[in-house]
Amino acid sequence: MGTPVVSRLSIEAETWAADKTTAVPAGHADRAATEMTAQTAAERLPAARTQAAATCPVTPPATSIGSTVVPLAQPVGQAPPARPKRSAVT
């Protein structure tokens, strides 16, 4: 048997699907970065943490057909668990 012929339409369809599936994670990353920036301002976090949020990449690497998408560890829009409050030492 010979090598299968890949049509131009098949390649265009795969490219279109890859573009659409890449746009979804990119949108989530952008929203997560916006939420991180807002949280650092609201909580008046130290400069190092504010800088870390500011330099967080908002665009994930390009994906291709058949690649694995790793879900976010913390769902976007869900607040992280509350930290225990420190008791005053007297």
N, C-alpha and C. Protein backbone atom coordinates (compact mmCIF):
# COMPACT_ATOMS: atom_id res chain seq x y z
N MET A 1 0.84 -1.18 0.00
CA MET A 1 0.00 0.00 0.00
C MET A 1 0.89 1.24 0.00
N GLY A 2 0.39 2.28 -0.61
CA GLY A 2 1.14 3.52 -0.70
C GLY A 2 0.89 4.42 0.50
N THR A 3 1.56 5.53 0.50
CA THR A 3 1.40 6.53 1.55
C THR A 3 0.05 7.23 1.38
N PRO A 4 -0.71 7.39 2.49
CA PRO A 4 -2.00 8.07 2.36
C PRO A 4 -1.81 9.53 1.94
N VAL A 5 -2.71 9.99 1.12
CA VAL A 5 -2.66 11.37 0.65
C VAL A 5 -3.48 12.22 1.61
N VAL A 6 -2.87 13.28 2.11
CA VAL A 6 -3.56 14.20 3.01
C VAL A 6 -4.04 15.37 2.18
N SER A 7 -5.32 15.59 2.20
CA SER A 7 -5.88 16.67 1.39
C SER A 7 -5.63 18.03 2.04
N ARG A 8 -5.66 19.04 1.21
CA ARG A 8 -5.50 20.42 1.69
C ARG A 8 -6.64 20.76 2.65
N LEU A 9 -7.85 20.28 2.37
CA LEU A 9 -8.99 20.55 3.25
C LEU A 9 -8.80 19.90 4.61
N SER A 10 -8.21 18.71 4.64
CA SER A 10 -7.96 18.03 5.91
C SER A 10 -6.97 18.82 6.75
N ILE A 11 -5.92 19.33 6.12
CA ILE A 11 -4.92 20.13 6.84
C ILE A 11 -5.56 21.41 7.35
N GLU A 12 -6.38 22.05 6.52
CA GLU A 12 -7.06 23.28 6.95
C GLU A 12 -8.00 23.01 8.12
N ALA A 13 -8.70 21.88 8.08
CA ALA A 13 -9.62 21.53 9.17
C ALA A 13 -8.85 21.29 10.47
N GLU A 14 -7.71 20.61 10.39
CA GLU A 14 -6.90 20.37 11.59
C GLU A 14 -6.34 21.67 12.13
N THR A 15 -5.91 22.55 11.26
CA THR A 15 -5.38 23.85 11.68
C THR A 15 -6.47 24.67 12.36
N TRP A 16 -7.67 24.69 11.77
CA TRP A 16 -8.80 25.42 12.35
C TRP A 16 -9.11 24.88 13.74
N ALA A 17 -9.18 23.55 13.89
CA ALA A 17 -9.48 22.94 15.19
C ALA A 17 -8.40 23.27 16.22
N ALA A 18 -7.14 23.24 15.81
CA ALA A 18 -6.05 23.56 16.73
C ALA A 18 -6.14 25.01 17.18
N ASP A 19 -6.46 25.91 16.26
CA ASP A 19 -6.60 27.32 16.63
C ASP A 19 -7.72 27.53 17.64
N LYS A 20 -8.85 26.86 17.44
CA LYS A 20 -9.99 27.01 18.35
C LYS A 20 -9.68 26.42 19.72
N THR A 21 -9.05 25.25 19.77
CA THR A 21 -8.76 24.63 21.07
C THR A 21 -7.66 25.37 21.81
N THR A 22 -6.79 26.08 21.11
CA THR A 22 -5.76 26.88 21.76
C THR A 22 -6.36 28.16 22.32
N ALA A 23 -7.38 28.70 21.69
CA ALA A 23 -7.99 29.95 22.14
C ALA A 23 -8.66 29.78 23.50
N VAL A 24 -9.21 28.62 23.79
CA VAL A 24 -9.89 28.40 25.07
C VAL A 24 -8.91 28.51 26.24
N PRO A 25 -7.79 27.74 26.26
CA PRO A 25 -6.85 27.89 27.37
C PRO A 25 -6.26 29.30 27.46
N ALA A 26 -6.04 29.95 26.31
CA ALA A 26 -5.49 31.30 26.33
C ALA A 26 -6.44 32.25 27.05
N GLY A 27 -7.74 32.10 26.83
CA GLY A 27 -8.73 32.95 27.50
C GLY A 27 -8.75 32.72 29.00
N HIS A 28 -8.62 31.46 29.42
CA HIS A 28 -8.59 31.15 30.85
C HIS A 28 -7.32 31.72 31.49
N ALA A 29 -6.19 31.63 30.80
CA ALA A 29 -4.94 32.14 31.33
C ALA A 29 -5.00 33.65 31.51
N ASP A 30 -5.58 34.34 30.54
CA ASP A 30 -5.70 35.80 30.63
C ASP A 30 -6.57 36.20 31.80
N ARG A 31 -7.69 35.49 31.98
CA ARG A 31 -8.59 35.79 33.10
C ARG A 31 -7.91 35.50 34.43
N ALA A 32 -7.16 34.41 34.52
CA ALA A 32 -6.46 34.06 35.75
C ALA A 32 -5.41 35.11 36.09
N ALA A 33 -4.69 35.60 35.09
CA ALA A 33 -3.68 36.63 35.33
C ALA A 33 -4.33 37.92 35.82
N THR A 34 -5.48 38.27 35.26
CA THR A 34 -6.20 39.47 35.70
C THR A 34 -6.64 39.32 37.15
N GLU A 35 -7.15 38.13 37.51
CA GLU A 35 -7.57 37.89 38.89
C GLU A 35 -6.39 37.92 39.86
N MET A 36 -5.24 37.38 39.43
CA MET A 36 -4.05 37.40 40.29
C MET A 36 -3.61 38.83 40.55
N THR A 37 -3.61 39.66 39.52
CA THR A 37 -3.20 41.05 39.67
C THR A 37 -4.15 41.79 40.61
N ALA A 38 -5.44 41.56 40.46
CA ALA A 38 -6.42 42.21 41.34
C ALA A 38 -6.25 41.75 42.79
N GLN A 39 -5.98 40.46 42.98
CA GLN A 39 -5.81 39.93 44.33
C GLN A 39 -4.57 40.51 45.00
N THR A 40 -3.47 40.65 44.25
CA THR A 40 -2.26 41.20 44.85
C THR A 40 -2.49 42.64 45.29
N ALA A 41 -3.28 43.40 44.53
CA ALA A 41 -3.57 44.78 44.90
C ALA A 41 -4.49 44.83 46.11
N ALA A 42 -5.51 43.98 46.13
CA ALA A 42 -6.49 43.99 47.22
C ALA A 42 -5.87 43.55 48.55
N GLU A 43 -4.95 42.60 48.50
CA GLU A 43 -4.36 42.08 49.73
C GLU A 43 -3.06 42.78 50.11
N ARG A 44 -2.65 43.74 49.29
CA ARG A 44 -1.41 44.48 49.55
C ARG A 44 -0.25 43.53 49.83
N LEU A 45 -0.05 42.61 48.90
CA LEU A 45 1.00 41.61 49.05
C LEU A 45 2.38 42.24 48.87
N PRO A 46 3.41 41.57 49.39
CA PRO A 46 4.77 42.09 49.23
C PRO A 46 5.13 42.27 47.75
N ALA A 47 6.11 43.13 47.50
CA ALA A 47 6.51 43.45 46.13
C ALA A 47 6.91 42.21 45.34
N ALA A 48 7.57 41.25 45.98
CA ALA A 48 8.00 40.05 45.27
C ALA A 48 6.81 39.27 44.73
N ARG A 49 5.75 39.17 45.51
CA ARG A 49 4.56 38.44 45.04
C ARG A 49 3.83 39.23 43.96
N THR A 50 3.78 40.53 44.11
CA THR A 50 3.14 41.36 43.10
C THR A 50 3.88 41.22 41.78
N GLN A 51 5.21 41.23 41.84
CA GLN A 51 6.03 41.08 40.64
C GLN A 51 5.82 39.70 40.01
N ALA A 52 5.69 38.66 40.83
CA ALA A 52 5.46 37.31 40.31
C ALA A 52 4.14 37.24 39.55
N ALA A 53 3.11 37.89 40.08
CA ALA A 53 1.82 37.90 39.39
C ALA A 53 1.90 38.69 38.09
N ALA A 54 2.67 39.78 38.11
CA ALA A 54 2.79 40.62 36.92
C ALA A 54 3.56 39.93 35.80
N THR A 55 4.52 39.07 36.16
CA THR A 55 5.32 38.41 35.14
C THR A 55 4.79 37.05 34.74
N CYS A 56 3.68 36.63 35.35
CA CYS A 56 3.07 35.35 35.02
C CYS A 56 2.66 35.36 33.55
N PRO A 57 3.07 34.34 32.78
CA PRO A 57 2.69 34.34 31.36
C PRO A 57 1.18 34.17 31.22
N VAL A 58 0.60 34.97 30.35
CA VAL A 58 -0.85 34.89 30.16
C VAL A 58 -1.23 34.09 28.92
N THR A 59 -0.27 33.74 28.11
CA THR A 59 -0.56 32.96 26.92
C THR A 59 0.15 31.62 27.02
N PRO A 60 -0.60 30.53 27.05
CA PRO A 60 0.04 29.23 27.13
C PRO A 60 0.76 28.90 25.83
N PRO A 61 1.69 27.96 25.85
CA PRO A 61 2.37 27.59 24.61
C PRO A 61 1.37 27.02 23.60
N ALA A 62 1.69 27.15 22.34
CA ALA A 62 0.79 26.66 21.29
C ALA A 62 0.59 25.16 21.42
N THR A 63 -0.61 24.73 21.15
CA THR A 63 -0.90 23.30 21.19
C THR A 63 -1.06 22.79 19.77
N SER A 64 -1.05 21.49 19.63
CA SER A 64 -1.27 20.90 18.32
C SER A 64 -2.26 19.76 18.47
N ILE A 65 -2.72 19.24 17.37
CA ILE A 65 -3.66 18.12 17.40
C ILE A 65 -3.00 16.97 18.14
N GLY A 66 -3.71 16.40 19.09
CA GLY A 66 -3.19 15.26 19.82
C GLY A 66 -2.39 15.61 21.06
N SER A 67 -2.22 16.89 21.35
CA SER A 67 -1.45 17.25 22.55
C SER A 67 -2.35 17.12 23.78
N THR A 68 -1.73 17.03 24.93
CA THR A 68 -2.47 16.88 26.17
C THR A 68 -2.63 18.24 26.82
N VAL A 69 -3.84 18.55 27.25
CA VAL A 69 -4.10 19.80 27.96
C VAL A 69 -4.15 19.47 29.44
N VAL A 70 -3.31 20.15 30.22
CA VAL A 70 -3.28 19.93 31.66
C VAL A 70 -4.20 20.95 32.31
N PRO A 71 -5.17 20.51 33.11
CA PRO A 71 -6.09 21.46 33.74
C PRO A 71 -5.38 22.32 34.78
N LEU A 72 -5.94 23.49 35.04
CA LEU A 72 -5.40 24.36 36.08
C LEU A 72 -5.55 23.69 37.43
N ALA A 73 -4.58 23.89 38.31
CA ALA A 73 -4.63 23.30 39.64
C ALA A 73 -5.78 23.89 40.45
N GLN A 74 -6.01 25.18 40.31
CA GLN A 74 -7.09 25.86 41.02
C GLN A 74 -8.06 26.38 39.96
N PRO A 75 -9.31 25.93 39.96
CA PRO A 75 -10.25 26.40 38.95
C PRO A 75 -10.34 27.93 38.93
N VAL A 76 -10.38 28.49 37.74
CA VAL A 76 -10.46 29.93 37.58
C VAL A 76 -11.76 30.43 38.18
N GLY A 77 -11.68 31.51 38.93
CA GLY A 77 -12.86 32.09 39.54
C GLY A 77 -13.17 31.56 40.92
N GLN A 78 -12.45 30.52 41.34
CA GLN A 78 -12.68 29.95 42.67
C GLN A 78 -11.59 30.47 43.60
N ALA A 79 -11.98 30.97 44.74
CA ALA A 79 -11.02 31.52 45.69
C ALA A 79 -10.17 30.40 46.29
N PRO A 80 -8.89 30.67 46.54
CA PRO A 80 -8.06 29.66 47.19
C PRO A 80 -8.50 29.46 48.63
N PRO A 81 -8.13 28.34 49.24
CA PRO A 81 -8.51 28.11 50.64
C PRO A 81 -7.98 29.23 51.54
N ALA A 82 -8.75 29.58 52.53
CA ALA A 82 -8.35 30.64 53.46
C ALA A 82 -7.16 30.18 54.30
N ARG A 83 -6.25 31.11 54.53
CA ARG A 83 -5.10 30.81 55.40
C ARG A 83 -5.54 30.92 56.85
N PRO A 84 -4.96 30.07 57.71
CA PRO A 84 -5.29 30.22 59.14
C PRO A 84 -4.73 31.54 59.66
N LYS A 85 -5.48 32.19 60.51
CA LYS A 85 -5.03 33.47 61.07
C LYS A 85 -4.02 33.21 62.17
N ARG A 86 -3.02 34.09 62.21
CA ARG A 86 -2.00 33.98 63.26
C ARG A 86 -2.55 34.57 64.55
N SER A 87 -2.27 33.88 65.63
CA SER A 87 -2.72 34.41 66.91
C SER A 87 -1.66 35.38 67.44
N ALA A 88 -2.12 36.35 68.16
CA ALA A 88 -1.20 37.33 68.74
C ALA A 88 -0.41 36.69 69.87
N VAL A 89 0.89 36.88 69.82
CA VAL A 89 1.75 36.33 70.87
C VAL A 89 1.96 37.42 71.91
N THR A 90 1.66 37.08 73.17
CA THR A 90 1.83 38.09 74.23
C THR A 90 2.90 37.68 75.19
